[in-house]
Amino acid sequence: MAARWALLIVTAYFLQLFLSSLRPAGVAIQILPVLAVCAGVIGGAPRGAIVGFWAGFVFDLALPGPLGLSALVYCLVAFAVGSMQEAVLQMARWISIVLVSVGAALAMVVFALGGELFGDHTLSTPHLGSIIAVVAVSAAVMAPVGLRLARWAEGPDARLPGVLADA
């Protein structure tokens, strides 16, 4: 299972770098937080935290700024979404997609808060609202694929808490 998750994280990282020139409304598409949140939805809070940490850490290696901020943000958000998912007994497909969308948008807000703590003035940027909106919409579009990939990474015998078979 760890090898499948590692393959997904590295592939998502390179895909995100490759698609960095694709900028709807001037905002880069964020794939790694979507993957982290999908891990939380499919594998639960602990899996979301682990995948979120490693996805964020790999992404931090390419970013200027404080090393570990993305790792911390993705870890916390994926854990929180996984915890919310575990509280629901059965979850329809559209709820999973909404959770992924809201989780990815929340990651951008928490990242901006963390950046502010390190003096980056990320909360005062006039583009924060458009960043959150584009990330939320693109996460909703990517969610069905991300959820399927997370289910694959968890393996055939994985316990899928709260997720219906068609999610």
N, C-alpha and C. Protein backbone atom coordinates (compact mmCIF):
# COMPACT_ATOMS: atom_id res chain seq x y z
N MET A 1 0.82 -1.19 0.00
CA MET A 1 0.00 0.00 0.00
C MET A 1 0.87 1.26 0.00
N ALA A 2 1.94 1.25 0.78
CA ALA A 2 2.82 2.42 0.84
C ALA A 2 3.42 2.72 -0.53
N ALA A 3 3.75 1.70 -1.28
CA ALA A 3 4.33 1.91 -2.61
C ALA A 3 3.31 2.54 -3.55
N ARG A 4 2.04 2.13 -3.46
CA ARG A 4 1.00 2.72 -4.31
C ARG A 4 0.80 4.20 -3.97
N TRP A 5 0.77 4.51 -2.66
CA TRP A 5 0.61 5.91 -2.27
C TRP A 5 1.82 6.74 -2.70
N ALA A 6 3.02 6.18 -2.55
CA ALA A 6 4.23 6.91 -2.98
C ALA A 6 4.18 7.19 -4.48
N LEU A 7 3.76 6.19 -5.25
CA LEU A 7 3.63 6.37 -6.70
C LEU A 7 2.62 7.47 -7.02
N LEU A 8 1.50 7.47 -6.33
CA LEU A 8 0.49 8.51 -6.57
C LEU A 8 1.00 9.90 -6.19
N ILE A 9 1.68 10.01 -5.07
CA ILE A 9 2.19 11.32 -4.63
C ILE A 9 3.20 11.87 -5.61
N VAL A 10 4.16 11.03 -6.02
CA VAL A 10 5.19 11.48 -6.96
C VAL A 10 4.58 11.82 -8.31
N THR A 11 3.65 11.00 -8.78
CA THR A 11 2.99 11.28 -10.06
C THR A 11 2.19 12.58 -9.98
N ALA A 12 1.45 12.78 -8.89
CA ALA A 12 0.67 14.01 -8.72
C ALA A 12 1.59 15.23 -8.65
N TYR A 13 2.73 15.07 -8.01
CA TYR A 13 3.70 16.17 -7.91
C TYR A 13 4.18 16.59 -9.30
N PHE A 14 4.60 15.61 -10.11
CA PHE A 14 5.09 15.95 -11.45
C PHE A 14 3.96 16.46 -12.34
N LEU A 15 2.77 15.93 -12.17
CA LEU A 15 1.63 16.42 -12.92
C LEU A 15 1.32 17.86 -12.53
N GLN A 16 1.42 18.17 -11.26
CA GLN A 16 1.18 19.54 -10.81
C GLN A 16 2.24 20.48 -11.37
N LEU A 17 3.50 20.05 -11.40
CA LEU A 17 4.55 20.89 -11.99
C LEU A 17 4.31 21.08 -13.49
N PHE A 18 3.90 20.00 -14.16
CA PHE A 18 3.64 20.06 -15.59
C PHE A 18 2.46 20.99 -15.90
N LEU A 19 1.44 20.94 -15.06
CA LEU A 19 0.24 21.75 -15.30
C LEU A 19 0.32 23.15 -14.69
N SER A 20 1.49 23.50 -14.15
CA SER A 20 1.59 24.80 -13.48
C SER A 20 1.38 25.97 -14.44
N SER A 21 1.57 25.74 -15.73
CA SER A 21 1.33 26.81 -16.70
C SER A 21 -0.16 26.98 -17.00
N LEU A 22 -0.96 25.96 -16.67
CA LEU A 22 -2.41 26.05 -16.83
C LEU A 22 -2.96 26.82 -15.63
N ARG A 23 -3.35 28.06 -15.85
CA ARG A 23 -3.75 28.94 -14.75
C ARG A 23 -5.09 29.61 -15.03
N PRO A 24 -6.19 28.91 -14.71
CA PRO A 24 -7.48 29.59 -14.87
C PRO A 24 -7.60 30.73 -13.86
N ALA A 25 -7.98 31.89 -14.36
CA ALA A 25 -8.09 33.10 -13.55
C ALA A 25 -6.77 33.44 -12.85
N GLY A 26 -5.65 33.02 -13.45
CA GLY A 26 -4.34 33.33 -12.89
C GLY A 26 -3.93 32.49 -11.70
N VAL A 27 -4.65 31.38 -11.45
CA VAL A 27 -4.40 30.53 -10.28
C VAL A 27 -3.92 29.16 -10.74
N ALA A 28 -2.83 28.69 -10.15
CA ALA A 28 -2.31 27.36 -10.49
C ALA A 28 -3.24 26.28 -9.93
N ILE A 29 -3.46 25.25 -10.73
CA ILE A 29 -4.28 24.11 -10.31
C ILE A 29 -3.52 23.37 -9.20
N GLN A 30 -4.21 23.01 -8.13
CA GLN A 30 -3.60 22.34 -6.98
C GLN A 30 -4.04 20.88 -6.95
N ILE A 31 -3.14 19.97 -7.28
CA ILE A 31 -3.45 18.55 -7.32
C ILE A 31 -3.13 17.87 -6.01
N LEU A 32 -2.01 18.22 -5.39
CA LEU A 32 -1.57 17.52 -4.18
C LEU A 32 -2.52 17.67 -2.99
N PRO A 33 -3.09 18.85 -2.73
CA PRO A 33 -4.06 18.88 -1.63
C PRO A 33 -5.31 18.07 -1.92
N VAL A 34 -5.69 17.98 -3.19
CA VAL A 34 -6.84 17.15 -3.56
C VAL A 34 -6.54 15.69 -3.26
N LEU A 35 -5.34 15.25 -3.60
CA LEU A 35 -4.95 13.87 -3.32
C LEU A 35 -4.95 13.60 -1.82
N ALA A 36 -4.43 14.55 -1.04
CA ALA A 36 -4.39 14.38 0.41
C ALA A 36 -5.79 14.27 1.00
N VAL A 37 -6.69 15.14 0.56
CA VAL A 37 -8.06 15.11 1.06
C VAL A 37 -8.77 13.83 0.62
N CYS A 38 -8.53 13.38 -0.61
CA CYS A 38 -9.11 12.12 -1.07
C CYS A 38 -8.62 10.96 -0.21
N ALA A 39 -7.38 11.00 0.22
CA ALA A 39 -6.85 9.96 1.12
C ALA A 39 -7.61 9.97 2.43
N GLY A 40 -7.93 11.16 2.93
CA GLY A 40 -8.71 11.25 4.16
C GLY A 40 -10.12 10.73 4.00
N VAL A 41 -10.74 11.02 2.86
CA VAL A 41 -12.11 10.56 2.61
C VAL A 41 -12.15 9.04 2.48
N ILE A 42 -11.22 8.46 1.75
CA ILE A 42 -11.23 7.03 1.49
C ILE A 42 -10.61 6.23 2.63
N GLY A 43 -9.47 6.66 3.12
CA GLY A 43 -8.74 5.89 4.12
C GLY A 43 -8.96 6.30 5.56
N GLY A 44 -9.66 7.39 5.78
CA GLY A 44 -9.89 7.87 7.14
C GLY A 44 -8.86 8.90 7.56
N ALA A 45 -9.05 9.42 8.76
CA ALA A 45 -8.21 10.51 9.26
C ALA A 45 -6.73 10.15 9.34
N PRO A 46 -6.37 8.99 9.89
CA PRO A 46 -4.92 8.67 9.96
C PRO A 46 -4.26 8.59 8.59
N ARG A 47 -4.94 7.96 7.63
CA ARG A 47 -4.37 7.86 6.28
C ARG A 47 -4.27 9.23 5.64
N GLY A 48 -5.29 10.05 5.83
CA GLY A 48 -5.25 11.40 5.30
C GLY A 48 -4.08 12.20 5.85
N ALA A 49 -3.83 12.06 7.14
CA ALA A 49 -2.72 12.78 7.76
C ALA A 49 -1.38 12.33 7.19
N ILE A 50 -1.21 11.03 7.02
CA ILE A 50 0.06 10.51 6.51
C ILE A 50 0.27 10.94 5.06
N VAL A 51 -0.73 10.72 4.23
CA VAL A 51 -0.61 11.09 2.81
C VAL A 51 -0.48 12.61 2.68
N GLY A 52 -1.25 13.35 3.47
CA GLY A 52 -1.17 14.80 3.43
C GLY A 52 0.21 15.31 3.80
N PHE A 53 0.81 14.72 4.82
CA PHE A 53 2.16 15.14 5.21
C PHE A 53 3.14 14.92 4.08
N TRP A 54 3.15 13.71 3.51
CA TRP A 54 4.14 13.40 2.47
C TRP A 54 3.87 14.17 1.18
N ALA A 55 2.61 14.36 0.82
CA ALA A 55 2.30 15.15 -0.37
C ALA A 55 2.76 16.60 -0.18
N GLY A 56 2.49 17.14 1.00
CA GLY A 56 2.93 18.50 1.29
C GLY A 56 4.43 18.64 1.37
N PHE A 57 5.09 17.65 1.95
CA PHE A 57 6.55 17.70 2.06
C PHE A 57 7.20 17.66 0.69
N VAL A 58 6.71 16.78 -0.18
CA VAL A 58 7.25 16.70 -1.54
C VAL A 58 7.03 18.04 -2.25
N PHE A 59 5.85 18.63 -2.07
CA PHE A 59 5.56 19.92 -2.71
C PHE A 59 6.43 21.03 -2.13
N ASP A 60 6.70 20.98 -0.83
CA ASP A 60 7.54 21.99 -0.20
C ASP A 60 8.95 22.02 -0.75
N LEU A 61 9.42 20.89 -1.25
CA LEU A 61 10.77 20.84 -1.80
C LEU A 61 10.93 21.74 -3.01
N ALA A 62 9.84 22.01 -3.71
CA ALA A 62 9.89 22.85 -4.91
C ALA A 62 9.49 24.30 -4.63
N LEU A 63 9.00 24.58 -3.45
CA LEU A 63 8.51 25.93 -3.14
C LEU A 63 9.56 26.76 -2.41
N PRO A 64 9.62 28.04 -2.74
CA PRO A 64 10.41 28.91 -1.88
C PRO A 64 9.61 29.16 -0.60
N GLY A 65 10.28 29.43 0.45
CA GLY A 65 9.57 29.69 1.70
C GLY A 65 9.84 28.61 2.73
N PRO A 66 9.08 28.63 3.79
CA PRO A 66 9.34 27.71 4.91
C PRO A 66 9.08 26.25 4.54
N LEU A 67 10.10 25.43 4.74
CA LEU A 67 9.97 24.00 4.47
C LEU A 67 9.07 23.39 5.53
N GLY A 68 8.04 22.70 5.11
CA GLY A 68 7.14 22.02 6.02
C GLY A 68 5.78 22.66 6.16
N LEU A 69 5.60 23.87 5.63
CA LEU A 69 4.30 24.53 5.76
C LEU A 69 3.22 23.78 5.00
N SER A 70 3.49 23.40 3.75
CA SER A 70 2.51 22.63 2.99
C SER A 70 2.28 21.27 3.65
N ALA A 71 3.34 20.65 4.14
CA ALA A 71 3.21 19.36 4.81
C ALA A 71 2.29 19.47 6.02
N LEU A 72 2.47 20.50 6.81
CA LEU A 72 1.62 20.70 7.99
C LEU A 72 0.18 20.98 7.58
N VAL A 73 -0.01 21.85 6.62
CA VAL A 73 -1.35 22.23 6.18
C VAL A 73 -2.10 21.04 5.60
N TYR A 74 -1.49 20.32 4.66
CA TYR A 74 -2.15 19.18 4.03
C TYR A 74 -2.45 18.09 5.04
N CYS A 75 -1.52 17.89 5.97
CA CYS A 75 -1.72 16.89 7.02
C CYS A 75 -2.93 17.23 7.88
N LEU A 76 -3.00 18.46 8.35
CA LEU A 76 -4.10 18.88 9.22
C LEU A 76 -5.44 18.85 8.50
N VAL A 77 -5.48 19.35 7.28
CA VAL A 77 -6.74 19.42 6.55
C VAL A 77 -7.23 18.02 6.17
N ALA A 78 -6.32 17.17 5.69
CA ALA A 78 -6.72 15.81 5.33
C ALA A 78 -7.18 15.03 6.56
N PHE A 79 -6.54 15.27 7.70
CA PHE A 79 -6.96 14.63 8.95
C PHE A 79 -8.36 15.10 9.34
N ALA A 80 -8.59 16.41 9.23
CA ALA A 80 -9.90 16.98 9.59
C ALA A 80 -11.00 16.44 8.68
N VAL A 81 -10.74 16.40 7.38
CA VAL A 81 -11.74 15.87 6.44
C VAL A 81 -11.98 14.39 6.70
N GLY A 82 -10.91 13.64 6.95
CA GLY A 82 -11.05 12.23 7.27
C GLY A 82 -11.86 12.02 8.54
N SER A 83 -11.68 12.89 9.52
CA SER A 83 -12.46 12.80 10.77
C SER A 83 -13.93 13.08 10.52
N MET A 84 -14.21 14.08 9.67
CA MET A 84 -15.61 14.36 9.33
C MET A 84 -16.22 13.19 8.59
N GLN A 85 -15.48 12.60 7.68
CA GLN A 85 -15.97 11.48 6.90
C GLN A 85 -16.26 10.30 7.80
N GLU A 86 -15.43 10.05 8.80
CA GLU A 86 -15.64 8.91 9.70
C GLU A 86 -16.88 9.09 10.57
N ALA A 87 -17.32 10.33 10.75
CA ALA A 87 -18.51 10.59 11.56
C ALA A 87 -19.80 10.26 10.81
N VAL A 88 -19.70 10.11 9.49
CA VAL A 88 -20.87 9.82 8.67
C VAL A 88 -20.89 8.32 8.38
N LEU A 89 -22.03 7.68 8.62
CA LEU A 89 -22.12 6.23 8.42
C LEU A 89 -22.05 5.86 6.94
N GLN A 90 -22.81 6.52 6.12
CA GLN A 90 -22.80 6.27 4.68
C GLN A 90 -22.73 7.62 3.99
N MET A 91 -21.96 7.68 2.92
CA MET A 91 -21.76 8.95 2.25
C MET A 91 -22.04 8.79 0.76
N ALA A 92 -22.92 9.60 0.25
CA ALA A 92 -23.22 9.58 -1.18
C ALA A 92 -22.04 10.18 -1.94
N ARG A 93 -22.02 9.89 -3.23
CA ARG A 93 -20.91 10.35 -4.06
C ARG A 93 -20.79 11.87 -4.04
N TRP A 94 -21.89 12.57 -4.13
CA TRP A 94 -21.82 14.03 -4.19
C TRP A 94 -21.30 14.62 -2.88
N ILE A 95 -21.55 13.96 -1.76
CA ILE A 95 -21.02 14.45 -0.49
C ILE A 95 -19.50 14.29 -0.46
N SER A 96 -19.01 13.18 -1.00
CA SER A 96 -17.56 12.98 -1.09
C SER A 96 -16.92 14.07 -1.93
N ILE A 97 -17.55 14.42 -3.05
CA ILE A 97 -17.01 15.45 -3.93
C ILE A 97 -17.02 16.81 -3.24
N VAL A 98 -18.10 17.11 -2.52
CA VAL A 98 -18.17 18.37 -1.78
C VAL A 98 -17.09 18.41 -0.69
N LEU A 99 -16.89 17.30 0.01
CA LEU A 99 -15.85 17.25 1.04
C LEU A 99 -14.46 17.51 0.44
N VAL A 100 -14.19 16.93 -0.70
CA VAL A 100 -12.89 17.14 -1.35
C VAL A 100 -12.74 18.60 -1.76
N SER A 101 -13.78 19.17 -2.33
CA SER A 101 -13.74 20.57 -2.76
C SER A 101 -13.54 21.52 -1.59
N VAL A 102 -14.32 21.32 -0.54
CA VAL A 102 -14.20 22.18 0.64
C VAL A 102 -12.84 21.98 1.32
N GLY A 103 -12.39 20.73 1.38
CA GLY A 103 -11.10 20.45 2.00
C GLY A 103 -9.94 21.11 1.26
N ALA A 104 -9.96 21.05 -0.07
CA ALA A 104 -8.88 21.69 -0.84
C ALA A 104 -8.92 23.21 -0.67
N ALA A 105 -10.13 23.79 -0.66
CA ALA A 105 -10.25 25.23 -0.44
C ALA A 105 -9.77 25.60 0.96
N LEU A 106 -10.13 24.78 1.93
CA LEU A 106 -9.68 25.01 3.31
C LEU A 106 -8.16 24.95 3.40
N ALA A 107 -7.55 24.05 2.64
CA ALA A 107 -6.08 23.97 2.63
C ALA A 107 -5.47 25.29 2.18
N MET A 108 -6.08 25.94 1.21
CA MET A 108 -5.55 27.22 0.73
C MET A 108 -5.68 28.30 1.81
N VAL A 109 -6.80 28.29 2.54
CA VAL A 109 -7.00 29.27 3.62
C VAL A 109 -5.98 29.03 4.74
N VAL A 110 -5.81 27.79 5.13
CA VAL A 110 -4.87 27.47 6.21
C VAL A 110 -3.44 27.77 5.76
N PHE A 111 -3.13 27.51 4.49
CA PHE A 111 -1.81 27.84 3.96
C PHE A 111 -1.57 29.34 4.02
N ALA A 112 -2.60 30.13 3.68
CA ALA A 112 -2.48 31.59 3.75
C ALA A 112 -2.27 32.04 5.19
N LEU A 113 -2.99 31.42 6.12
CA LEU A 113 -2.79 31.75 7.54
C LEU A 113 -1.36 31.41 8.00
N GLY A 114 -0.88 30.24 7.58
CA GLY A 114 0.49 29.85 7.93
C GLY A 114 1.52 30.77 7.31
N GLY A 115 1.29 31.14 6.05
CA GLY A 115 2.20 32.07 5.39
C GLY A 115 2.25 33.41 6.09
N GLU A 116 1.12 33.83 6.59
CA GLU A 116 1.05 35.10 7.33
C GLU A 116 1.91 35.03 8.60
N LEU A 117 1.90 33.88 9.25
CA LEU A 117 2.73 33.71 10.45
C LEU A 117 4.22 33.83 10.14
N PHE A 118 4.61 33.48 8.93
CA PHE A 118 6.01 33.55 8.53
C PHE A 118 6.34 34.85 7.80
N GLY A 119 5.42 35.80 7.81
CA GLY A 119 5.68 37.11 7.24
C GLY A 119 5.50 37.23 5.74
N ASP A 120 4.77 36.33 5.13
CA ASP A 120 4.59 36.39 3.67
C ASP A 120 3.43 37.29 3.25
N HIS A 121 2.62 37.78 4.16
CA HIS A 121 1.47 38.64 3.88
C HIS A 121 0.53 37.99 2.87
N THR A 122 0.28 36.72 3.07
CA THR A 122 -0.58 35.96 2.16
C THR A 122 -2.06 36.23 2.36
N LEU A 123 -2.45 36.67 3.53
CA LEU A 123 -3.87 36.98 3.77
C LEU A 123 -4.28 38.30 3.14
N SER A 124 -3.33 39.18 2.92
CA SER A 124 -3.67 40.49 2.38
C SER A 124 -3.61 40.54 0.85
N THR A 125 -3.31 39.43 0.21
CA THR A 125 -3.27 39.43 -1.25
C THR A 125 -4.68 39.60 -1.81
N PRO A 126 -4.84 40.44 -2.82
CA PRO A 126 -6.18 40.65 -3.37
C PRO A 126 -6.70 39.43 -4.14
N HIS A 127 -5.85 38.46 -4.40
CA HIS A 127 -6.24 37.29 -5.20
C HIS A 127 -6.65 36.10 -4.35
N LEU A 128 -6.66 36.23 -3.02
CA LEU A 128 -6.96 35.09 -2.16
C LEU A 128 -8.35 34.51 -2.44
N GLY A 129 -9.33 35.36 -2.65
CA GLY A 129 -10.68 34.88 -2.95
C GLY A 129 -10.74 34.09 -4.25
N SER A 130 -10.06 34.59 -5.29
CA SER A 130 -10.07 33.85 -6.56
C SER A 130 -9.26 32.57 -6.45
N ILE A 131 -8.21 32.55 -5.65
CA ILE A 131 -7.43 31.33 -5.43
C ILE A 131 -8.32 30.27 -4.79
N ILE A 132 -9.04 30.65 -3.75
CA ILE A 132 -9.92 29.71 -3.06
C ILE A 132 -11.01 29.21 -3.99
N ALA A 133 -11.60 30.09 -4.77
CA ALA A 133 -12.68 29.69 -5.68
C ALA A 133 -12.18 28.74 -6.77
N VAL A 134 -11.06 29.06 -7.39
CA VAL A 134 -10.53 28.21 -8.46
C VAL A 134 -10.12 26.85 -7.90
N VAL A 135 -9.48 26.84 -6.73
CA VAL A 135 -9.08 25.57 -6.12
C VAL A 135 -10.30 24.74 -5.77
N ALA A 136 -11.35 25.35 -5.23
CA ALA A 136 -12.56 24.61 -4.88
C ALA A 136 -13.22 24.00 -6.12
N VAL A 137 -13.35 24.77 -7.18
CA VAL A 137 -14.00 24.27 -8.39
C VAL A 137 -13.14 23.19 -9.05
N SER A 138 -11.84 23.44 -9.17
CA SER A 138 -10.98 22.43 -9.80
C SER A 138 -10.90 21.16 -8.96
N ALA A 139 -10.96 21.29 -7.64
CA ALA A 139 -10.97 20.11 -6.77
C ALA A 139 -12.24 19.30 -6.97
N ALA A 140 -13.36 19.97 -7.14
CA ALA A 140 -14.61 19.26 -7.39
C ALA A 140 -14.55 18.50 -8.71
N VAL A 141 -13.90 19.08 -9.71
CA VAL A 141 -13.75 18.42 -11.00
C VAL A 141 -12.82 17.21 -10.89
N MET A 142 -11.73 17.36 -10.12
CA MET A 142 -10.74 16.28 -9.97
C MET A 142 -11.15 15.21 -8.96
N ALA A 143 -12.13 15.50 -8.12
CA ALA A 143 -12.49 14.61 -7.01
C ALA A 143 -12.85 13.19 -7.44
N PRO A 144 -13.68 12.98 -8.48
CA PRO A 144 -14.00 11.59 -8.83
C PRO A 144 -12.77 10.75 -9.18
N VAL A 145 -11.84 11.34 -9.92
CA VAL A 145 -10.60 10.63 -10.27
C VAL A 145 -9.74 10.44 -9.03
N GLY A 146 -9.63 11.48 -8.21
CA GLY A 146 -8.83 11.38 -6.99
C GLY A 146 -9.36 10.33 -6.03
N LEU A 147 -10.66 10.23 -5.90
CA LEU A 147 -11.26 9.23 -5.02
C LEU A 147 -11.02 7.81 -5.54
N ARG A 148 -11.11 7.64 -6.84
CA ARG A 148 -10.82 6.32 -7.43
C ARG A 148 -9.36 5.94 -7.24
N LEU A 149 -8.46 6.89 -7.44
CA LEU A 149 -7.04 6.62 -7.24
C LEU A 149 -6.73 6.32 -5.78
N ALA A 150 -7.38 7.03 -4.87
CA ALA A 150 -7.18 6.76 -3.44
C ALA A 150 -7.69 5.37 -3.08
N ARG A 151 -8.81 4.99 -3.66
CA ARG A 151 -9.34 3.64 -3.41
C ARG A 151 -8.36 2.59 -3.94
N TRP A 152 -7.76 2.85 -5.12
CA TRP A 152 -6.76 1.92 -5.67
C TRP A 152 -5.55 1.84 -4.75
N ALA A 153 -5.09 2.99 -4.25
CA ALA A 153 -3.91 3.01 -3.39
C ALA A 153 -4.16 2.27 -2.08
N GLU A 154 -5.38 2.33 -1.58
CA GLU A 154 -5.70 1.63 -0.34
C GLU A 154 -5.71 0.12 -0.52
N GLY A 155 -5.90 -0.34 -1.74
CA GLY A 155 -5.86 -1.77 -2.02
C GLY A 155 -7.22 -2.42 -1.99
N PRO A 156 -7.30 -3.64 -2.51
CA PRO A 156 -8.60 -4.31 -2.65
C PRO A 156 -9.23 -4.73 -1.32
N ASP A 157 -8.43 -4.96 -0.31
CA ASP A 157 -8.96 -5.41 0.97
C ASP A 157 -9.11 -4.28 1.98
N ALA A 158 -8.96 -3.06 1.52
CA ALA A 158 -8.99 -1.92 2.44
C ALA A 158 -10.39 -1.68 2.97
N ARG A 159 -10.46 -1.27 4.21
CA ARG A 159 -11.72 -0.86 4.81
C ARG A 159 -11.99 0.55 4.32
N LEU A 160 -13.15 0.77 3.75
CA LEU A 160 -13.50 2.09 3.23
C LEU A 160 -14.62 2.65 4.07
N PRO A 161 -14.29 3.29 5.18
CA PRO A 161 -15.33 3.75 6.10
C PRO A 161 -16.21 4.84 5.50
N GLY A 162 -17.53 4.57 5.55
CA GLY A 162 -18.49 5.60 5.20
C GLY A 162 -18.62 5.93 3.74
N VAL A 163 -17.98 5.21 2.85
CA VAL A 163 -18.03 5.57 1.44
C VAL A 163 -18.82 4.50 0.69
N LEU A 164 -19.81 4.94 -0.06
CA LEU A 164 -20.59 4.01 -0.86
C LEU A 164 -19.74 3.49 -2.02
N ALA A 165 -20.11 2.38 -2.58
CA ALA A 165 -19.34 1.75 -3.64
C ALA A 165 -19.21 2.61 -4.89
N ASP A 166 -20.17 3.49 -5.14
CA ASP A 166 -20.11 4.28 -6.37
C ASP A 166 -19.38 5.61 -6.19
N ALA A 167 -18.84 5.87 -5.03
CA ALA A 167 -18.17 7.15 -4.78
C ALA A 167 -16.88 7.28 -5.53
